[in-house]
Protein backbone atom coordinates (compact mmCIF):
# COMPACT_ATOMS: atom_id res chain seq x y z
CA UNK A 1 0.00 0.00 0.00
CA UNK A 2 1.12 3.54 -0.59
CA UNK A 3 -0.33 6.48 1.32
CA UNK A 4 0.01 10.04 0.11
CA UNK A 5 -0.34 13.40 1.81
CA UNK A 6 -3.61 15.16 1.02
CA UNK A 7 -3.63 18.19 -1.23
CA UNK A 8 -0.25 17.80 -2.92
CA UNK A 9 0.66 16.18 -6.24
CA UNK A 10 1.74 12.56 -5.97
CA UNK A 11 5.13 13.38 -7.42
CA UNK A 12 8.70 13.61 -6.05
CA UNK A 13 7.61 13.22 -2.43
CA UNK A 14 9.86 12.14 0.42
CA UNK A 15 9.19 8.47 1.17
CA UNK A 16 9.11 6.42 4.35
CA UNK A 17 9.20 2.66 3.79
CA UNK A 18 7.28 1.16 6.72
CA UNK A 19 7.92 -2.62 6.83
CA UNK A 20 5.56 -4.54 9.10
CA UNK A 21 6.52 -6.85 11.94
CA UNK A 22 6.14 -10.60 12.06
CA UNK A 23 7.28 -11.52 9.54
CA UNK A 24 5.44 -14.78 8.90
CA UNK A 25 1.65 -14.54 8.78
CA UNK A 26 1.46 -10.83 9.65
CA UNK A 27 0.33 -8.26 7.09
CA UNK A 28 -0.45 -4.64 6.50
CA UNK A 29 -4.06 -3.78 5.79
CA UNK A 30 -5.73 -0.89 4.04
CA UNK A 31 -7.26 0.31 7.32
CA UNK A 32 -6.04 2.21 10.34
CA UNK A 33 -6.46 -0.60 12.85
CA UNK A 34 -3.04 -0.87 14.47
CA UNK A 35 0.01 1.21 15.29
CA UNK A 36 1.68 0.74 11.89
CA UNK A 37 -1.35 1.90 9.94
CA UNK A 38 -1.85 4.83 12.30
CA UNK A 39 1.81 5.76 11.86
CA UNK A 40 1.35 5.63 8.08
CA UNK A 41 -1.53 8.09 8.36
CA UNK A 42 0.45 10.35 10.68
CA UNK A 43 3.47 10.43 8.36
CA UNK A 44 1.29 11.07 5.30
CA UNK A 45 -0.34 13.92 7.20
CA UNK A 46 3.13 15.37 7.68
CA UNK A 47 3.92 15.36 3.96
CA UNK A 48 5.50 11.95 3.38
CA UNK A 49 4.51 9.21 0.99
CA UNK A 50 4.41 5.98 3.02
CA UNK A 51 4.97 2.57 1.45
CA UNK A 52 3.82 -0.62 3.18
CA UNK A 53 4.76 -3.85 1.41
CA UNK A 54 3.19 -7.22 2.09
CA UNK A 55 6.39 -9.08 1.29
CA UNK A 56 6.73 -12.83 0.86
CA UNK A 57 5.76 -14.57 4.08
CA UNK A 58 3.06 -12.02 4.93
CA UNK A 59 -0.39 -13.19 5.99
CA UNK A 60 -3.65 -13.01 4.12
CA UNK A 61 -2.54 -14.82 0.96
CA UNK A 62 -2.51 -18.44 2.10
CA UNK A 63 0.01 -20.84 3.58
CA UNK A 64 2.04 -21.25 0.40
CA UNK A 65 2.71 -17.51 0.27
CA UNK A 66 3.53 -17.48 3.99
CA UNK A 67 6.05 -20.30 3.48
CA UNK A 68 7.86 -18.22 0.85
CA UNK A 69 9.22 -16.15 3.75
CA UNK A 70 10.89 -19.11 5.46
CA UNK A 71 14.67 -18.65 5.58
CA UNK A 72 14.28 -15.45 3.53
CA UNK A 73 14.55 -12.89 6.34
CA UNK A 74 17.75 -11.29 5.00
CA UNK A 75 17.31 -12.11 1.32
CA UNK A 76 13.92 -12.49 -0.36
CA UNK A 77 11.94 -10.40 2.11
CA UNK A 78 14.48 -7.59 1.89
CA UNK A 79 14.45 -7.84 -1.93
CA UNK A 80 10.67 -7.47 -1.92
CA UNK A 81 10.99 -4.27 0.13
CA UNK A 82 13.65 -2.88 -2.22
CA UNK A 83 11.46 -3.75 -5.21
CA UNK A 84 8.58 -1.83 -3.63
CA UNK A 85 10.71 1.27 -3.19
CA UNK A 86 12.03 1.00 -6.76
CA UNK A 87 8.44 0.72 -7.99
CA UNK A 88 7.51 3.96 -6.18
CA UNK A 89 10.55 5.68 -7.72
CA UNK A 90 9.74 4.39 -11.22
CA UNK A 91 6.18 5.71 -10.89
CA UNK A 92 7.60 9.14 -10.09
CA UNK A 93 5.81 9.24 -6.75
CA UNK A 94 8.95 9.75 -4.69
CA UNK A 95 12.19 11.66 -4.75
CA UNK A 96 14.94 9.01 -4.85
CA UNK A 97 17.15 11.27 -2.74
CA UNK A 98 14.67 11.47 0.16
CA UNK A 99 13.92 7.91 1.28
CA UNK A 100 13.99 6.57 4.83
CA UNK A 101 13.01 3.19 6.29
CA UNK A 102 11.24 2.97 9.66
CA UNK A 103 10.04 -0.24 11.29
CA UNK A 104 9.36 -1.98 14.59
CA UNK A 105 10.12 -5.55 15.66
CA UNK A 106 10.77 -7.46 12.41
CA UNK A 107 10.18 -4.13 10.69
CA UNK A 108 13.01 -2.76 12.83
CA UNK A 109 15.18 -5.64 11.68
CA UNK A 110 14.31 -4.73 8.09
CA UNK A 111 15.14 -1.09 8.85
CA UNK A 112 18.62 -2.24 9.83
CA UNK A 113 18.94 -4.57 6.83
CA UNK A 114 17.66 -2.26 4.09
CA UNK A 115 20.69 0.10 4.07
CA UNK A 116 22.90 -3.00 4.02
CA UNK A 117 21.21 -4.71 1.07
CA UNK A 118 20.52 -1.46 -0.84
CA UNK A 119 23.22 0.95 0.36
CA UNK A 120 22.49 3.72 -2.15
CA UNK A 121 18.71 3.73 -1.73
CA UNK A 122 18.24 5.21 1.74
CA UNK A 123 19.20 8.44 3.48
CA UNK A 124 18.29 7.25 6.99
CA UNK A 125 16.93 4.31 8.96
CA UNK A 126 14.83 4.13 12.12
CA UNK A 127 14.91 0.89 14.10
CA UNK A 128 12.26 0.57 16.80
CA UNK A 129 12.78 -2.59 18.86
CA UNK A 130 14.28 -4.47 15.94
CA UNK A 131 16.15 -7.75 16.09
CA UNK A 132 19.88 -7.16 15.65
CA UNK A 133 21.04 -10.67 16.62
CA UNK A 134 18.79 -13.59 15.72
CA UNK A 135 20.75 -15.86 18.05
CA UNK A 136 19.15 -14.03 21.00
CA UNK A 137 15.72 -14.87 19.64
CA UNK A 138 16.27 -18.51 18.70
CA UNK A 139 15.60 -20.05 22.11
CA UNK A 140 13.11 -17.55 23.49
CA UNK A 141 9.68 -18.80 24.49
CA UNK A 142 8.08 -15.74 22.88
CA UNK A 143 8.64 -17.49 19.55
CA UNK A 144 6.81 -20.64 20.65
CA UNK A 145 4.02 -19.72 18.20
CA UNK A 146 6.53 -20.47 15.45
CA UNK A 147 6.92 -24.01 16.79
CA UNK A 148 3.34 -25.10 16.12
CA UNK A 149 2.80 -28.36 14.28
CA UNK A 150 5.90 -29.41 12.38
CA UNK A 151 7.30 -25.89 12.18
CA UNK A 152 10.26 -24.86 14.32
CA UNK A 153 12.12 -21.58 14.55
CA UNK A 154 14.99 -23.29 12.71
CA UNK A 155 12.70 -23.75 9.71
CA UNK A 156 12.26 -19.98 9.61
CA UNK A 157 15.86 -18.95 10.22
CA UNK A 158 18.14 -22.00 10.09
CA UNK A 159 20.74 -22.98 12.67
CA UNK A 160 22.78 -20.70 14.94
CA UNK A 161 25.37 -20.06 12.21
CA UNK A 162 22.57 -19.06 9.82
CA UNK A 163 21.08 -16.83 12.51
CA UNK A 164 24.39 -15.04 12.96
CA UNK A 165 24.84 -14.66 9.19
CA UNK A 166 21.53 -12.76 8.86
CA UNK A 167 22.01 -10.58 11.95
CA UNK A 168 22.73 -6.87 11.34
CA UNK A 169 24.88 -6.79 14.48
CA UNK A 170 27.60 -8.52 12.49
CA UNK A 171 27.29 -6.16 9.50
CA UNK A 172 27.78 -2.83 11.26
CA UNK A 173 30.74 -1.99 9.02
CA UNK A 174 28.29 -1.87 6.10
CA UNK A 175 26.07 0.88 7.54
CA UNK A 176 26.42 4.08 5.52
CA UNK A 177 23.42 6.12 6.69
CA UNK A 178 22.39 7.64 10.03
CA UNK A 179 20.41 5.14 12.12
CA UNK A 180 18.08 6.07 14.97
CA UNK A 181 17.67 3.17 17.41
CA UNK A 182 14.74 3.08 19.85
CA UNK A 183 14.04 0.30 22.33
CA UNK A 184 11.82 -0.29 25.34
CA UNK A 185 13.69 -1.33 28.47
CA UNK A 186 11.07 -3.92 29.45
CA UNK A 187 10.32 -5.30 25.98
CA UNK A 188 9.42 -8.98 26.29
CA UNK A 189 9.20 -9.61 22.54
CA UNK A 190 12.52 -8.17 21.33
CA UNK A 191 14.76 -7.86 24.39
CA UNK A 192 16.79 -4.67 24.94
CA UNK A 193 20.07 -6.53 24.30
CA UNK A 194 19.30 -6.21 20.59
CA UNK A 195 19.58 -2.42 20.81
CA UNK A 196 22.30 -2.35 23.46
CA UNK A 197 24.65 -4.46 21.35
CA UNK A 198 24.39 -2.01 18.46
CA UNK A 199 26.11 0.76 20.45
């Protein structure tokens, strides 16, 4: 989805890419029902175009589509987000020199990964409670919902070596844009160590 500010031409606008959390089975909707959609409306009200991409693995399109996100956290999902931004540029909606990425939870992880996978695309990144080290998350009970049926967290990410390989914490030398990091001190979904280790 792309949201535009009211009363201005849909051309050469600054863009905020707003990747949703999850990633598997969660999706953005064309309604203002949760924090992400409300943030999209707020940012559009302030003059930004806001892009929300239901990347591979997102909910609402069946199990086969959801499975496309397995073991694609740092690759396919990030490519889908880049493709969305390139689409908005090609349409002329956005100024390619004024693009930022802002996400929470898995969206925060994507906010850290986007400048790494597309280093010339973004001018800034905002990480709100994003995962910086997937090894922290691998054994946490909060991800027990990913262990239902025959599905384990390893099916989503891989083993500990795979988890390290897709963790932005170990790619800090590749950051080339300013990054704002926000984190709640009592977060029980993405623990504060994820932000603290980025210092």
